[in-house]
Amino acid sequence: MPTTRVSALACLGVLVTIAATGCGGSFGRLTSAERIPADGSLGGPGPSALKVQAVSSAEWGALPKKKLAPACDARGGAPKADKAALDKANTSIAAWTEYLKKNPKPVPKPVKGPTVGDVVGIERTDNSRTLTSLSITCAADKPATIEMSGTSYAFDLAWVFESKAKRLGVQALSLKDKKLYYAMIFTPPSPKDRVDEIAIIANVSSYFPADADEPLVIGGTDIDSRFETFVFGKGKTQGFYWLVPLSPNLSVERYLGVGAFAVGG
């Protein structure tokens, strides 16, 4: 895969150069990720249109030490749960569910007039803003499913991550349908946090190698519950990365961002 020397001024604000096809590193991946629809529909740029971000050999070698183990692995038969991780997540979900019973989410009022996002040309979408219920099923005698807002979706792998800022993120992946499901709740919730609860369904079939190896999933930071997932073919050191959730400036939309990566240097 060809590389070019690009100025890192736009990436880091300093006058240095790096050998890459993009800004490189986690910041480059974040700023170069392209959005795809949050409602499960097929969309987004073609794979060849994605900017390729360089991942250094050192970073690639360190990523397995940071990866999250699945909280539920339903591949090849009876689902297997990481009991400690899933129990902790379910405790938070149960508390959130109980809060919802006592404090129903108010119906949002219609927006009157143009928003700041409208003025600067950001398309207004609201398909990732509704989350009225959440649960995860991972038992030997039942199909593995994630339920979001009353609808259940089958998955093969699921991961959970709760940040120190008390945001619980749940990410589930269906290898059959090539769809990724993400939900985020606050633990414990409060009235001001309710607007930031998130439900995203992303069709990642265009960004999934045919001979995909084990997905490499990295958990969020102490602040957020963002997941970064690397998918690549067996024996390959290039492929695609997914980042969820992302949001454009001046918009309430939440979506999954996708990009391409290549290891080298």
Protein backbone atom coordinates (compact mmCIF):
# COMPACT_ATOMS: atom_id res chain seq x y z
CA MET A 1 0.00 0.00 0.00
CA PRO A 2 1.65 3.30 -1.08
CA THR A 3 2.57 5.96 1.43
CA THR A 4 3.11 9.68 1.06
CA ARG A 5 4.65 12.26 3.32
CA VAL A 6 2.02 14.59 4.69
CA SER A 7 2.20 17.56 6.95
CA ALA A 8 1.13 16.79 10.51
CA LEU A 9 0.30 20.47 11.07
CA ALA A 10 -3.39 19.79 10.54
CA CYS A 11 -3.24 16.78 12.85
CA LEU A 12 -1.25 18.01 15.81
CA GLY A 13 -0.71 21.73 15.40
CA VAL A 14 3.08 21.37 15.12
CA LEU A 15 5.31 21.63 12.06
CA VAL A 16 6.60 18.10 11.64
CA THR A 17 6.03 15.45 8.98
CA ILE A 18 5.23 11.77 9.17
CA ALA A 19 5.32 8.97 6.60
CA ALA A 20 1.69 7.93 6.29
CA THR A 21 -1.37 8.10 4.12
CA GLY A 22 -3.19 10.06 6.84
CA CYS A 23 -2.51 11.70 10.20
CA GLY A 24 -1.82 8.32 11.78
CA GLY A 25 -2.28 7.15 15.36
CA SER A 26 -5.48 7.21 17.38
CA PHE A 27 -6.02 10.93 16.67
CA GLY A 28 -5.70 10.35 12.93
CA ARG A 29 -8.17 7.50 13.06
CA LEU A 30 -10.61 9.59 15.06
CA THR A 31 -10.52 12.61 12.77
CA SER A 32 -10.57 10.58 9.53
CA ALA A 33 -13.42 8.20 10.39
CA GLU A 34 -16.35 8.41 7.97
CA ARG A 35 -19.89 8.12 9.25
CA ILE A 36 -22.30 5.36 8.29
CA PRO A 37 -26.04 5.31 9.07
CA ALA A 38 -27.07 4.66 12.66
CA ASP A 39 -30.32 2.85 11.82
CA GLY A 40 -28.90 -0.36 10.36
CA SER A 41 -29.27 0.64 6.73
CA LEU A 42 -26.48 0.13 4.21
CA GLY A 43 -24.59 3.33 3.47
CA GLY A 44 -21.39 5.26 3.84
CA PRO A 45 -18.40 5.61 1.49
CA GLY A 46 -17.01 2.68 -0.45
CA PRO A 47 -14.02 0.89 1.11
CA SER A 48 -11.63 2.26 -1.51
CA ALA A 49 -12.69 5.82 -0.69
CA LEU A 50 -11.56 5.59 2.95
CA LYS A 51 -8.38 7.37 4.04
CA VAL A 52 -5.78 4.83 5.11
CA GLN A 53 -4.37 5.57 8.54
CA ALA A 54 -0.92 4.32 9.51
CA VAL A 55 -0.58 2.18 12.63
CA SER A 56 3.00 1.87 13.82
CA SER A 57 4.42 -1.58 14.43
CA ALA A 58 4.91 -0.62 18.07
CA GLU A 59 1.28 0.41 18.52
CA TRP A 60 0.05 -2.71 16.71
CA GLY A 61 2.16 -4.89 18.95
CA ALA A 62 0.79 -3.18 22.07
CA LEU A 63 -2.91 -3.33 21.13
CA PRO A 64 -3.48 -6.98 22.14
CA LYS A 65 -2.50 -6.05 25.70
CA LYS A 66 -5.32 -3.48 25.75
CA LYS A 67 -8.03 -5.51 24.06
CA LEU A 68 -11.28 -6.33 25.79
CA ALA A 69 -12.29 -9.95 26.21
CA PRO A 70 -15.87 -10.62 25.08
CA ALA A 71 -18.45 -10.41 27.85
CA CYS A 72 -20.43 -12.92 25.82
CA ASP A 73 -19.14 -15.28 23.11
CA ALA A 74 -21.95 -17.05 21.26
CA ARG A 75 -19.94 -18.42 18.37
CA GLY A 76 -20.31 -22.09 17.56
CA GLY A 77 -23.09 -23.02 19.92
CA ALA A 78 -24.04 -22.28 23.52
CA PRO A 79 -23.17 -18.70 24.57
CA LYS A 80 -20.32 -18.39 27.05
CA ALA A 81 -20.39 -15.45 29.45
CA ASP A 82 -17.65 -13.62 31.27
CA LYS A 83 -19.71 -13.76 34.43
CA ALA A 84 -17.89 -11.00 36.33
CA ALA A 85 -18.04 -8.52 33.44
CA LEU A 86 -21.64 -9.33 32.54
CA ASP A 87 -22.86 -9.30 36.15
CA LYS A 88 -21.34 -5.85 36.66
CA ALA A 89 -22.95 -4.53 33.47
CA ASN A 90 -26.31 -6.07 34.34
CA THR A 91 -26.21 -4.46 37.80
CA SER A 92 -25.79 -1.06 36.16
CA ILE A 93 -28.49 -1.80 33.58
CA ALA A 94 -30.91 -2.92 36.32
CA ALA A 95 -30.33 0.32 38.25
CA TRP A 96 -30.88 2.34 35.07
CA THR A 97 -34.06 0.38 34.27
CA GLU A 98 -35.42 0.99 37.76
CA TYR A 99 -34.68 4.70 37.39
CA LEU A 100 -36.64 4.77 34.12
CA LYS A 101 -39.69 3.26 35.81
CA LYS A 102 -39.73 6.07 38.35
CA ASN A 103 -38.61 8.80 35.98
CA PRO A 104 -40.06 8.28 32.48
CA LYS A 105 -38.15 10.04 29.76
CA PRO A 106 -40.11 13.10 28.61
CA VAL A 107 -41.23 13.31 25.00
CA PRO A 108 -38.93 15.83 23.28
CA LYS A 109 -40.55 19.05 22.14
CA PRO A 110 -40.50 19.81 18.41
CA VAL A 111 -37.62 22.04 17.38
CA LYS A 112 -38.86 25.48 16.37
CA GLY A 113 -36.83 27.31 13.77
CA PRO A 114 -33.33 26.47 12.53
CA THR A 115 -30.66 25.07 14.83
CA VAL A 116 -27.00 26.07 14.80
CA GLY A 117 -26.29 22.85 12.93
CA ASP A 118 -28.90 23.74 10.32
CA VAL A 119 -27.25 27.11 9.76
CA VAL A 120 -23.82 25.59 9.08
CA GLY A 121 -25.24 22.84 6.88
CA ILE A 122 -25.18 19.77 9.18
CA GLU A 123 -27.95 17.35 8.28
CA ARG A 124 -30.39 16.91 11.15
CA THR A 125 -30.95 13.27 12.07
CA ASP A 126 -32.37 11.75 15.22
CA ASN A 127 -32.17 8.02 14.55
CA SER A 128 -29.59 7.37 17.24
CA ARG A 129 -31.24 9.18 20.12
CA THR A 130 -33.90 6.77 21.36
CA LEU A 131 -33.18 4.24 24.10
CA THR A 132 -36.11 3.23 26.27
CA SER A 133 -34.86 -0.17 27.44
CA LEU A 134 -31.71 -2.27 27.39
CA SER A 135 -30.81 -5.86 28.27
CA ILE A 136 -28.29 -8.56 27.31
CA THR A 137 -29.09 -12.29 27.18
CA CYS A 138 -26.12 -14.67 27.37
CA ALA A 139 -27.15 -18.09 28.65
CA ALA A 140 -26.32 -21.62 27.58
CA ASP A 141 -29.96 -22.49 26.85
CA LYS A 142 -30.97 -19.27 25.02
CA PRO A 143 -29.92 -17.38 21.91
CA ALA A 144 -27.54 -14.51 22.64
CA THR A 145 -29.39 -11.23 22.12
CA ILE A 146 -29.16 -7.55 22.91
CA GLU A 147 -32.50 -5.84 23.45
CA MET A 148 -32.71 -2.11 22.75
CA SER A 149 -35.95 -0.13 22.99
CA GLY A 150 -38.11 -3.24 22.86
CA THR A 151 -36.43 -4.98 19.91
CA SER A 152 -34.04 -7.92 20.31
CA TYR A 153 -31.09 -8.53 18.00
CA ALA A 154 -29.04 -11.73 17.80
CA PHE A 155 -25.28 -11.41 18.14
CA ASP A 156 -22.17 -13.57 18.18
CA LEU A 157 -19.86 -11.42 20.30
CA ALA A 158 -20.53 -8.68 22.85
CA TRP A 159 -18.28 -6.40 24.89
CA VAL A 160 -19.00 -4.05 27.79
CA PHE A 161 -17.05 -1.12 29.16
CA GLU A 162 -17.93 1.24 32.01
CA SER A 163 -15.89 4.42 32.29
CA LYS A 164 -14.94 6.19 35.49
CA ALA A 165 -17.31 8.93 34.34
CA LYS A 166 -20.11 6.39 34.89
CA ARG A 167 -21.01 5.71 31.29
CA LEU A 168 -21.73 2.09 30.41
CA GLY A 169 -21.16 1.13 26.78
CA VAL A 170 -22.37 -2.16 25.31
CA GLN A 171 -21.21 -3.29 21.87
CA ALA A 172 -22.52 -6.43 20.15
CA LEU A 173 -21.55 -7.84 16.76
CA SER A 174 -23.48 -10.21 14.51
CA LEU A 175 -21.04 -12.08 12.27
CA LYS A 176 -23.93 -13.44 10.21
CA ASP A 177 -25.70 -10.13 9.56
CA LYS A 178 -22.50 -8.02 9.65
CA LYS A 179 -24.20 -5.55 11.97
CA LEU A 180 -22.89 -3.83 15.07
CA TYR A 181 -25.17 -2.78 17.93
CA TYR A 182 -24.18 -0.15 20.46
CA ALA A 183 -25.94 1.29 23.49
CA MET A 184 -24.75 3.75 26.12
CA ILE A 185 -26.37 4.64 29.42
CA PHE A 186 -25.33 6.66 32.47
CA THR A 187 -24.80 4.83 35.76
CA PRO A 188 -26.39 6.18 37.82
CA PRO A 189 -28.61 8.27 35.52
CA SER A 190 -29.83 11.77 36.23
CA PRO A 191 -32.33 14.03 34.45
CA LYS A 192 -29.62 16.03 32.67
CA ASP A 193 -28.01 12.86 31.31
CA ARG A 194 -31.13 11.43 29.71
CA VAL A 195 -30.62 13.31 26.45
CA ASP A 196 -27.27 11.59 25.92
CA GLU A 197 -28.47 7.98 26.07
CA ILE A 198 -27.60 6.33 22.78
CA ALA A 199 -28.76 3.42 20.62
CA ILE A 200 -26.93 2.75 17.34
CA ILE A 201 -27.29 -0.01 14.75
CA ALA A 202 -24.57 0.00 12.10
CA ASN A 203 -24.36 -2.14 8.97
CA VAL A 204 -20.64 -2.90 8.64
CA SER A 205 -20.89 -5.43 5.79
CA SER A 206 -18.94 -3.16 3.42
CA TYR A 207 -16.08 -2.92 5.91
CA PHE A 208 -15.67 -6.56 6.92
CA PRO A 209 -12.96 -8.82 5.38
CA ALA A 210 -14.24 -12.09 3.94
CA ASP A 211 -11.59 -14.06 5.87
CA ALA A 212 -11.85 -11.97 9.04
CA ASP A 213 -9.62 -12.86 11.97
CA GLU A 214 -10.61 -12.34 15.62
CA PRO A 215 -11.84 -8.74 16.04
CA LEU A 216 -9.52 -6.60 18.15
CA VAL A 217 -11.69 -4.45 20.43
CA ILE A 218 -10.29 -1.66 22.59
CA GLY A 219 -12.37 -0.15 25.39
CA GLY A 220 -13.03 3.52 26.00
CA THR A 221 -11.23 6.07 28.14
CA ASP A 222 -11.93 7.14 31.70
CA ILE A 223 -14.24 9.80 30.24
CA ASP A 224 -16.28 8.04 27.59
CA SER A 225 -17.38 4.54 26.62
CA ARG A 226 -16.18 4.58 23.04
CA PHE A 227 -15.10 1.33 21.45
CA GLU A 228 -12.47 1.02 18.73
CA THR A 229 -12.60 -2.23 16.78
CA PHE A 230 -9.98 -3.43 14.30
CA VAL A 231 -11.08 -6.02 11.73
CA PHE A 232 -8.61 -7.64 9.35
CA GLY A 233 -8.07 -10.83 7.38
CA LYS A 234 -6.20 -13.79 8.81
CA GLY A 235 -2.48 -13.10 8.72
CA LYS A 236 -3.03 -9.54 7.47
CA THR A 237 -1.87 -6.26 9.01
CA GLN A 238 -4.30 -4.02 7.19
CA GLY A 239 -8.04 -3.74 7.27
CA PHE A 240 -10.74 -1.53 8.74
CA TYR A 241 -11.39 0.15 12.08
CA TRP A 242 -14.72 1.11 13.61
CA LEU A 243 -15.24 3.84 16.21
CA VAL A 244 -18.49 4.16 18.13
CA PRO A 245 -20.00 6.46 19.19
CA LEU A 246 -18.92 9.54 17.26
CA SER A 247 -20.68 12.86 16.83
CA PRO A 248 -20.14 15.73 14.39
CA ASN A 249 -19.63 19.21 15.78
CA LEU A 250 -22.78 21.20 16.57
CA SER A 251 -25.01 18.14 16.14
CA VAL A 252 -26.82 15.72 18.44
CA GLU A 253 -26.36 12.84 16.01
CA ARG A 254 -24.43 9.79 17.15
CA TYR A 255 -23.07 7.26 14.68
CA LEU A 256 -20.36 4.69 13.95
CA GLY A 257 -17.27 5.97 12.17
CA VAL A 258 -15.27 3.70 9.86
CA GLY A 259 -11.81 3.97 8.32
CA ALA A 260 -8.99 1.89 6.85
CA PHE A 261 -5.65 1.15 8.48
CA ALA A 262 -2.31 -0.35 7.54
CA VAL A 263 0.51 -1.37 9.88
CA GLY A 264 4.05 -0.23 9.16
CA GLY A 265 6.89 1.90 10.47
